Amino acid sequence: AAERYDGTVDLAEQVHVAADACLPATPVHTV
């Protein structure tokens, strides 16, 4: 909480990583 987050993050890349990890669990939805 007291630390500063000074890293540079490509949020687009992280969103796709998160989506790739989650979507195999939902073949019944339209995504």
PDB file of all heavy atoms in Angstrom:
ATOM      1  N   ALA A   1       0.818  -1.216   0.000  1.00  0.00           N
ATOM      2  CA  ALA A   1       0.000   0.000   0.000  1.00  0.00           C
ATOM      3  C   ALA A   1       0.850   1.264   0.000  1.00  0.00           C
ATOM      4  O   ALA A   1       0.493   2.271  -0.610  1.00  0.00           O
ATOM      5  CB  ALA A   1      -0.934   0.005   1.199  1.00  0.00           C
ATOM      6  N   ALA A   2       1.989   1.216   0.703  1.00  0.00           N
ATOM      7  CA  ALA A   2       2.824   2.413   0.798  1.00  0.00           C
ATOM      8  C   ALA A   2       3.817   2.533  -0.348  1.00  0.00           C
ATOM      9  O   ALA A   2       4.535   3.525  -0.454  1.00  0.00           O
ATOM     10  CB  ALA A   2       3.576   2.412   2.128  1.00  0.00           C
ATOM     11  N   GLU A   3       3.867   1.523  -1.214  1.00  0.00           N
ATOM     12  CA  GLU A   3       4.830   1.551  -2.308  1.00  0.00           C
ATOM     13  C   GLU A   3       4.230   2.208  -3.549  1.00  0.00           C
ATOM     14  O   GLU A   3       3.031   2.217  -3.752  1.00  0.00           O
ATOM     15  CB  GLU A   3       5.266   0.127  -2.656  1.00  0.00           C
ATOM     16  CG  GLU A   3       5.945  -0.594  -1.502  1.00  0.00           C
ATOM     17  CD  GLU A   3       6.311  -2.011  -1.869  1.00  0.00           C
ATOM     18  OE1 GLU A   3       6.128  -2.372  -3.038  1.00  0.00           O
ATOM     19  OE2 GLU A   3       6.776  -2.742  -0.979  1.00  0.00           O
ATOM     20  N   ARG A   4       5.087   2.760  -4.362  1.00  0.00           N
ATOM     21  CA  ARG A   4       4.644   3.308  -5.642  1.00  0.00           C
ATOM     22  C   ARG A   4       4.828   2.250  -6.717  1.00  0.00           C
ATOM     23  O   ARG A   4       5.814   1.535  -6.748  1.00  0.00           O
ATOM     24  CB  ARG A   4       5.471   4.547  -5.993  1.00  0.00           C
ATOM     25  CG  ARG A   4       5.246   5.716  -5.067  1.00  0.00           C
ATOM     26  CD  ARG A   4       6.066   6.903  -5.516  1.00  0.00           C
ATOM     27  NE  ARG A   4       5.734   7.297  -6.870  1.00  0.00           N
ATOM     28  CZ  ARG A   4       6.441   8.162  -7.592  1.00  0.00           C
ATOM     29  NH1 ARG A   4       7.519   8.711  -7.077  1.00  0.00           N
ATOM     30  NH2 ARG A   4       6.073   8.466  -8.812  1.00  0.00           N
ATOM     31  N   TYR A   5       3.851   2.155  -7.593  1.00  0.00           N
ATOM     32  CA  TYR A   5       3.950   1.214  -8.693  1.00  0.00           C
ATOM     33  C   TYR A   5       4.619   1.939  -9.863  1.00  0.00           C
ATOM     34  O   TYR A   5       3.991   2.715 -10.566  1.00  0.00           O
ATOM     35  CB  TYR A   5       2.560   0.720  -9.095  1.00  0.00           C
ATOM     36  CG  TYR A   5       1.875  -0.103  -8.030  1.00  0.00           C
ATOM     37  CD1 TYR A   5       0.491  -0.152  -7.947  1.00  0.00           C
ATOM     38  CD2 TYR A   5       2.605  -0.838  -7.114  1.00  0.00           C
ATOM     39  CE1 TYR A   5      -0.143  -0.914  -6.982  1.00  0.00           C
ATOM     40  CE2 TYR A   5       1.985  -1.595  -6.148  1.00  0.00           C
ATOM     41  CZ  TYR A   5       0.612  -1.636  -6.091  1.00  0.00           C
ATOM     42  OH  TYR A   5       0.001  -2.391  -5.127  1.00  0.00           O
ATOM     43  N   ASP A   6       5.897   1.679 -10.063  1.00  0.00           N
ATOM     44  CA  ASP A   6       6.660   2.406 -11.073  1.00  0.00           C
ATOM     45  C   ASP A   6       6.889   1.603 -12.337  1.00  0.00           C
ATOM     46  O   ASP A   6       7.559   2.068 -13.252  1.00  0.00           O
ATOM     47  CB  ASP A   6       8.011   2.849 -10.489  1.00  0.00           C
ATOM     48  CG  ASP A   6       7.847   3.939  -9.442  1.00  0.00           C
ATOM     49  OD1 ASP A   6       6.913   4.745  -9.585  1.00  0.00           O
ATOM     50  OD2 ASP A   6       8.641   3.975  -8.484  1.00  0.00           O
ATOM     51  N   GLY A   7       6.353   0.379 -12.406  1.00  0.00           N
ATOM     52  CA  GLY A   7       6.555  -0.430 -13.597  1.00  0.00           C
ATOM     53  C   GLY A   7       5.721   0.068 -14.763  1.00  0.00           C
ATOM     54  O   GLY A   7       4.664   0.674 -14.585  1.00  0.00           O
ATOM     55  N   THR A   8       6.193  -0.184 -15.960  1.00  0.00           N
ATOM     56  CA  THR A   8       5.448   0.145 -17.177  1.00  0.00           C
ATOM     57  C   THR A   8       4.692  -1.098 -17.621  1.00  0.00           C
ATOM     58  O   THR A   8       5.292  -2.157 -17.835  1.00  0.00           O
ATOM     59  CB  THR A   8       6.395   0.621 -18.288  1.00  0.00           C
ATOM     60  OG1 THR A   8       7.070   1.803 -17.843  1.00  0.00           O
ATOM     61  CG2 THR A   8       5.616   0.924 -19.555  1.00  0.00           C
ATOM     62  N   VAL A   9       3.379  -0.978 -17.765  1.00  0.00           N
ATOM     63  CA  VAL A   9       2.530  -2.134 -18.058  1.00  0.00           C
ATOM     64  C   VAL A   9       1.755  -1.882 -19.353  1.00  0.00           C
ATOM     65  O   VAL A   9       1.159  -0.812 -19.523  1.00  0.00           O
ATOM     66  CB  VAL A   9       1.534  -2.396 -16.914  1.00  0.00           C
ATOM     67  CG1 VAL A   9       0.642  -3.589 -17.233  1.00  0.00           C
ATOM     68  CG2 VAL A   9       2.273  -2.598 -15.593  1.00  0.00           C
ATOM     69  N   ASP A  10       1.786  -2.868 -20.233  1.00  0.00           N
ATOM     70  CA  ASP A  10       0.931  -2.827 -21.418  1.00  0.00           C
ATOM     71  C   ASP A  10      -0.397  -3.462 -21.021  1.00  0.00           C
ATOM     72  O   ASP A  10      -0.531  -4.693 -20.969  1.00  0.00           O
ATOM     73  CB  ASP A  10       1.576  -3.601 -22.571  1.00  0.00           C
ATOM     74  CG  ASP A  10       0.821  -3.405 -23.887  1.00  0.00           C
ATOM     75  OD1 ASP A  10      -0.393  -3.112 -23.837  1.00  0.00           O
ATOM     76  OD2 ASP A  10       1.438  -3.544 -24.949  1.00  0.00           O
ATOM     77  N   LEU A  11      -1.384  -2.621 -20.703  1.00  0.00           N
ATOM     78  CA  LEU A  11      -2.658  -3.127 -20.210  1.00  0.00           C
ATOM     79  C   LEU A  11      -3.369  -3.970 -21.265  1.00  0.00           C
ATOM     80  O   LEU A  11      -4.046  -4.953 -20.937  1.00  0.00           O
ATOM     81  CB  LEU A  11      -3.549  -1.962 -19.765  1.00  0.00           C
ATOM     82  CG  LEU A  11      -4.857  -2.334 -19.073  1.00  0.00           C
ATOM     83  CD1 LEU A  11      -4.612  -3.201 -17.852  1.00  0.00           C
ATOM     84  CD2 LEU A  11      -5.642  -1.076 -18.689  1.00  0.00           C
ATOM     85  N   ALA A  12      -3.230  -3.607 -22.538  1.00  0.00           N
ATOM     86  CA  ALA A  12      -3.855  -4.398 -23.605  1.00  0.00           C
ATOM     87  C   ALA A  12      -3.330  -5.832 -23.587  1.00  0.00           C
ATOM     88  O   ALA A  12      -4.099  -6.800 -23.692  1.00  0.00           O
ATOM     89  CB  ALA A  12      -3.589  -3.747 -24.963  1.00  0.00           C
ATOM     90  N   GLU A  13      -2.038  -5.982 -23.428  1.00  0.00           N
ATOM     91  CA  GLU A  13      -1.440  -7.319 -23.388  1.00  0.00           C
ATOM     92  C   GLU A  13      -1.960  -8.111 -22.188  1.00  0.00           C
ATOM     93  O   GLU A  13      -2.297  -9.298 -22.309  1.00  0.00           O
ATOM     94  CB  GLU A  13       0.080  -7.189 -23.321  1.00  0.00           C
ATOM     95  CG  GLU A  13       0.806  -8.518 -23.306  1.00  0.00           C
ATOM     96  CD  GLU A  13       2.316  -8.331 -23.249  1.00  0.00           C
ATOM     97  OE1 GLU A  13       2.786  -7.197 -23.457  1.00  0.00           O
ATOM     98  OE2 GLU A  13       3.004  -9.336 -22.992  1.00  0.00           O
ATOM     99  N   GLN A  14      -2.059  -7.453 -21.027  1.00  0.00           N
ATOM    100  CA  GLN A  14      -2.519  -8.141 -19.815  1.00  0.00           C
ATOM    101  C   GLN A  14      -3.991  -8.538 -19.926  1.00  0.00           C
ATOM    102  O   GLN A  14      -4.397  -9.590 -19.429  1.00  0.00           O
ATOM    103  CB  GLN A  14      -2.288  -7.261 -18.587  1.00  0.00           C
ATOM    104  CG  GLN A  14      -0.835  -6.929 -18.309  1.00  0.00           C
ATOM    105  CD  GLN A  14       0.021  -8.175 -18.240  1.00  0.00           C
ATOM    106  OE1 GLN A  14      -0.375  -9.190 -17.659  1.00  0.00           O
ATOM    107  NE2 GLN A  14       1.201  -8.104 -18.850  1.00  0.00           N
ATOM    108  N   VAL A  15      -4.795  -7.716 -20.574  1.00  0.00           N
ATOM    109  CA  VAL A  15      -6.206  -8.053 -20.776  1.00  0.00           C
ATOM    110  C   VAL A  15      -6.333  -9.306 -21.637  1.00  0.00           C
ATOM    111  O   VAL A  15      -7.143 -10.203 -21.347  1.00  0.00           O
ATOM    112  CB  VAL A  15      -6.956  -6.862 -21.409  1.00  0.00           C
ATOM    113  CG1 VAL A  15      -8.303  -7.317 -21.988  1.00  0.00           C
ATOM    114  CG2 VAL A  15      -7.179  -5.765 -20.372  1.00  0.00           C
ATOM    115  N   HIS A  16      -5.544  -9.402 -22.693  1.00  0.00           N
ATOM    116  CA  HIS A  16      -5.607 -10.587 -23.560  1.00  0.00           C
ATOM    117  C   HIS A  16      -5.101 -11.836 -22.837  1.00  0.00           C
ATOM    118  O   HIS A  16      -5.639 -12.931 -23.033  1.00  0.00           O
ATOM    119  CB  HIS A  16      -4.819 -10.348 -24.842  1.00  0.00           C
ATOM    120  CG  HIS A  16      -5.566  -9.544 -25.859  1.00  0.00           C
ATOM    121  ND1 HIS A  16      -6.547 -10.094 -26.666  1.00  0.00           N
ATOM    122  CD2 HIS A  16      -5.504  -8.219 -26.184  1.00  0.00           C
ATOM    123  CE1 HIS A  16      -7.043  -9.151 -27.450  1.00  0.00           C
ATOM    124  NE2 HIS A  16      -6.429  -8.005 -27.186  1.00  0.00           N
ATOM    125  N   VAL A  17      -4.074 -11.677 -21.997  1.00  0.00           N
ATOM    126  CA  VAL A  17      -3.589 -12.816 -21.212  1.00  0.00           C
ATOM    127  C   VAL A  17      -4.687 -13.306 -20.273  1.00  0.00           C
ATOM    128  O   VAL A  17      -4.931 -14.514 -20.144  1.00  0.00           O
ATOM    129  CB  VAL A  17      -2.336 -12.432 -20.405  1.00  0.00           C
ATOM    130  CG1 VAL A  17      -1.971 -13.537 -19.422  1.00  0.00           C
ATOM    131  CG2 VAL A  17      -1.158 -12.157 -21.335  1.00  0.00           C
ATOM    132  N   ALA A  18      -5.378 -12.353 -19.613  1.00  0.00           N
ATOM    133  CA  ALA A  18      -6.467 -12.715 -18.711  1.00  0.00           C
ATOM    134  C   ALA A  18      -7.603 -13.397 -19.467  1.00  0.00           C
ATOM    135  O   ALA A  18      -8.149 -14.413 -19.024  1.00  0.00           O
ATOM    136  CB  ALA A  18      -6.978 -11.471 -17.980  1.00  0.00           C
ATOM    137  N   ALA A  19      -7.955 -12.852 -20.629  1.00  0.00           N
ATOM    138  CA  ALA A  19      -9.048 -13.426 -21.427  1.00  0.00           C
ATOM    139  C   ALA A  19      -8.693 -14.836 -21.900  1.00  0.00           C
ATOM    140  O   ALA A  19      -9.524 -15.754 -21.836  1.00  0.00           O
ATOM    141  CB  ALA A  19      -9.347 -12.530 -22.620  1.00  0.00           C
ATOM    142  N   ASP A  20      -7.460 -15.036 -22.362  1.00  0.00           N
ATOM    143  CA  ASP A  20      -7.041 -16.359 -22.843  1.00  0.00           C
ATOM    144  C   ASP A  20      -7.103 -17.403 -21.728  1.00  0.00           C
ATOM    145  O   ASP A  20      -7.378 -18.577 -21.975  1.00  0.00           O
ATOM    146  CB  ASP A  20      -5.616 -16.291 -23.397  1.00  0.00           C
ATOM    147  CG  ASP A  20      -5.548 -15.515 -24.705  1.00  0.00           C
ATOM    148  OD1 ASP A  20      -6.604 -15.321 -25.330  1.00  0.00           O
ATOM    149  OD2 ASP A  20      -4.438 -15.088 -25.082  1.00  0.00           O
ATOM    150  N   ALA A  21      -6.838 -16.947 -20.485  1.00  0.00           N
ATOM    151  CA  ALA A  21      -6.870 -17.884 -19.359  1.00  0.00           C
ATOM    152  C   ALA A  21      -8.297 -18.224 -18.943  1.00  0.00           C
ATOM    153  O   ALA A  21      -8.558 -19.332 -18.462  1.00  0.00           O
ATOM    154  CB  ALA A  21      -6.122 -17.279 -18.167  1.00  0.00           C
ATOM    155  N   CYS A  22      -9.225 -17.295 -19.139  1.00  0.00           N
ATOM    156  CA  CYS A  22     -10.597 -17.481 -18.647  1.00  0.00           C
ATOM    157  C   CYS A  22     -11.535 -18.104 -19.674  1.00  0.00           C
ATOM    158  O   CYS A  22     -12.439 -18.862 -19.312  1.00  0.00           O
ATOM    159  CB  CYS A  22     -11.191 -16.137 -18.211  1.00  0.00           C
ATOM    160  SG  CYS A  22     -10.330 -15.353 -16.831  1.00  0.00           S
ATOM    161  N   LEU A  23     -11.365 -17.788 -20.940  1.00  0.00           N
ATOM    162  CA  LEU A  23     -12.366 -18.152 -21.944  1.00  0.00           C
ATOM    163  C   LEU A  23     -12.527 -19.652 -22.193  1.00  0.00           C
ATOM    164  O   LEU A  23     -13.636 -20.095 -22.535  1.00  0.00           O
ATOM    165  CB  LEU A  23     -12.062 -17.434 -23.259  1.00  0.00           C
ATOM    166  CG  LEU A  23     -12.229 -15.913 -23.200  1.00  0.00           C
ATOM    167  CD1 LEU A  23     -12.041 -15.311 -24.575  1.00  0.00           C
ATOM    168  CD2 LEU A  23     -13.602 -15.541 -22.638  1.00  0.00           C
ATOM    169  N   PRO A  24     -11.493 -20.479 -22.015  1.00  0.00           N
ATOM    170  CA  PRO A  24     -11.732 -21.913 -22.186  1.00  0.00           C
ATOM    171  C   PRO A  24     -12.793 -22.475 -21.249  1.00  0.00           C
ATOM    172  O   PRO A  24     -13.365 -23.525 -21.511  1.00  0.00           O
ATOM    173  CB  PRO A  24     -10.352 -22.527 -21.890  1.00  0.00           C
ATOM    174  CG  PRO A  24      -9.386 -21.462 -22.278  1.00  0.00           C
ATOM    175  CD  PRO A  24     -10.062 -20.182 -21.862  1.00  0.00           C
ATOM    176  N   ALA A  25     -13.050 -21.748 -20.139  1.00  0.00           N
ATOM    177  CA  ALA A  25     -14.057 -22.213 -19.172  1.00  0.00           C
ATOM    178  C   ALA A  25     -15.467 -21.842 -19.588  1.00  0.00           C
ATOM    179  O   ALA A  25     -16.423 -22.169 -18.902  1.00  0.00           O
ATOM    180  CB  ALA A  25     -13.740 -21.623 -17.795  1.00  0.00           C
ATOM    181  N   THR A  26     -15.633 -21.150 -20.711  1.00  0.00           N
ATOM    182  CA  THR A  26     -16.964 -20.678 -21.083  1.00  0.00           C
ATOM    183  C   THR A  26     -17.304 -20.937 -22.547  1.00  0.00           C
ATOM    184  O   THR A  26     -17.547 -19.992 -23.304  1.00  0.00           O
ATOM    185  CB  THR A  26     -17.107 -19.177 -20.751  1.00  0.00           C
ATOM    186  OG1 THR A  26     -18.406 -18.738 -21.172  1.00  0.00           O
ATOM    187  CG2 THR A  26     -16.040 -18.328 -21.415  1.00  0.00           C
ATOM    188  N   PRO A  27     -17.322 -22.197 -22.972  1.00  0.00           N
ATOM    189  CA  PRO A  27     -17.669 -22.475 -24.372  1.00  0.00           C
ATOM    190  C   PRO A  27     -19.150 -22.240 -24.673  1.00  0.00           C
ATOM    191  O   PRO A  27     -19.556 -22.243 -25.834  1.00  0.00           O
ATOM    192  CB  PRO A  27     -17.313 -23.960 -24.517  1.00  0.00           C
ATOM    193  CG  PRO A  27     -17.459 -24.515 -23.134  1.00  0.00           C
ATOM    194  CD  PRO A  27     -17.020 -23.414 -22.214  1.00  0.00           C
ATOM    195  N   VAL A  28     -19.961 -22.041 -23.628  1.00  0.00           N
ATOM    196  CA  VAL A  28     -21.410 -21.917 -23.833  1.00  0.00           C
ATOM    197  C   VAL A  28     -21.848 -20.470 -24.007  1.00  0.00           C
ATOM    198  O   VAL A  28     -23.026 -20.193 -24.220  1.00  0.00           O
ATOM    199  CB  VAL A  28     -22.185 -22.553 -22.656  1.00  0.00           C
ATOM    200  CG1 VAL A  28     -21.915 -24.049 -22.604  1.00  0.00           C
ATOM    201  CG2 VAL A  28     -21.801 -21.895 -21.327  1.00  0.00           C
ATOM    202  N   HIS A  29     -20.924 -19.523 -23.903  1.00  0.00           N
ATOM    203  CA  HIS A  29     -21.267 -18.112 -24.044  1.00  0.00           C
ATOM    204  C   HIS A  29     -20.786 -17.565 -25.391  1.00  0.00           C
ATOM    205  O   HIS A  29     -19.822 -18.068 -25.971  1.00  0.00           O
ATOM    206  CB  HIS A  29     -20.641 -17.272 -22.917  1.00  0.00           C
ATOM    207  CG  HIS A  29     -21.160 -17.601 -21.547  1.00  0.00           C
ATOM    208  ND1 HIS A  29     -20.455 -18.378 -20.656  1.00  0.00           N
ATOM    209  CD2 HIS A  29     -22.321 -17.260 -20.928  1.00  0.00           C
ATOM    210  CE1 HIS A  29     -21.146 -18.503 -19.539  1.00  0.00           C
ATOM    211  NE2 HIS A  29     -22.279 -17.839 -19.678  1.00  0.00           N
ATOM    212  N   THR A  30     -21.464 -16.529 -25.828  1.00  0.00           N
ATOM    213  CA  THR A  30     -20.992 -15.783 -26.986  1.00  0.00           C
ATOM    214  C   THR A  30     -20.075 -14.674 -26.480  1.00  0.00           C
ATOM    215  O   THR A  30     -20.512 -13.817 -25.702  1.00  0.00           O
ATOM    216  CB  THR A  30     -22.170 -15.167 -27.755  1.00  0.00           C
ATOM    217  OG1 THR A  30     -23.049 -16.205 -28.168  1.00  0.00           O
ATOM    218  CG2 THR A  30     -21.667 -14.400 -28.970  1.00  0.00           C
ATOM    219  N   VAL A  31     -18.817 -14.704 -26.890  1.00  0.00           N
ATOM    220  CA  VAL A  31     -17.818 -13.781 -26.333  1.00  0.00           C
ATOM    221  C   VAL A  31     -17.273 -12.874 -27.427  1.00  0.00           C
ATOM    222  O   VAL A  31     -16.924 -13.333 -28.522  1.00  0.00           O
ATOM    223  CB  VAL A  31     -16.667 -14.562 -25.673  1.00  0.00           C
ATOM    224  CG1 VAL A  31     -15.617 -13.587 -25.141  1.00  0.00           C
ATOM    225  CG2 VAL A  31     -17.192 -15.458 -24.567  1.00  0.00           C
TER     226      VAL A  31
END
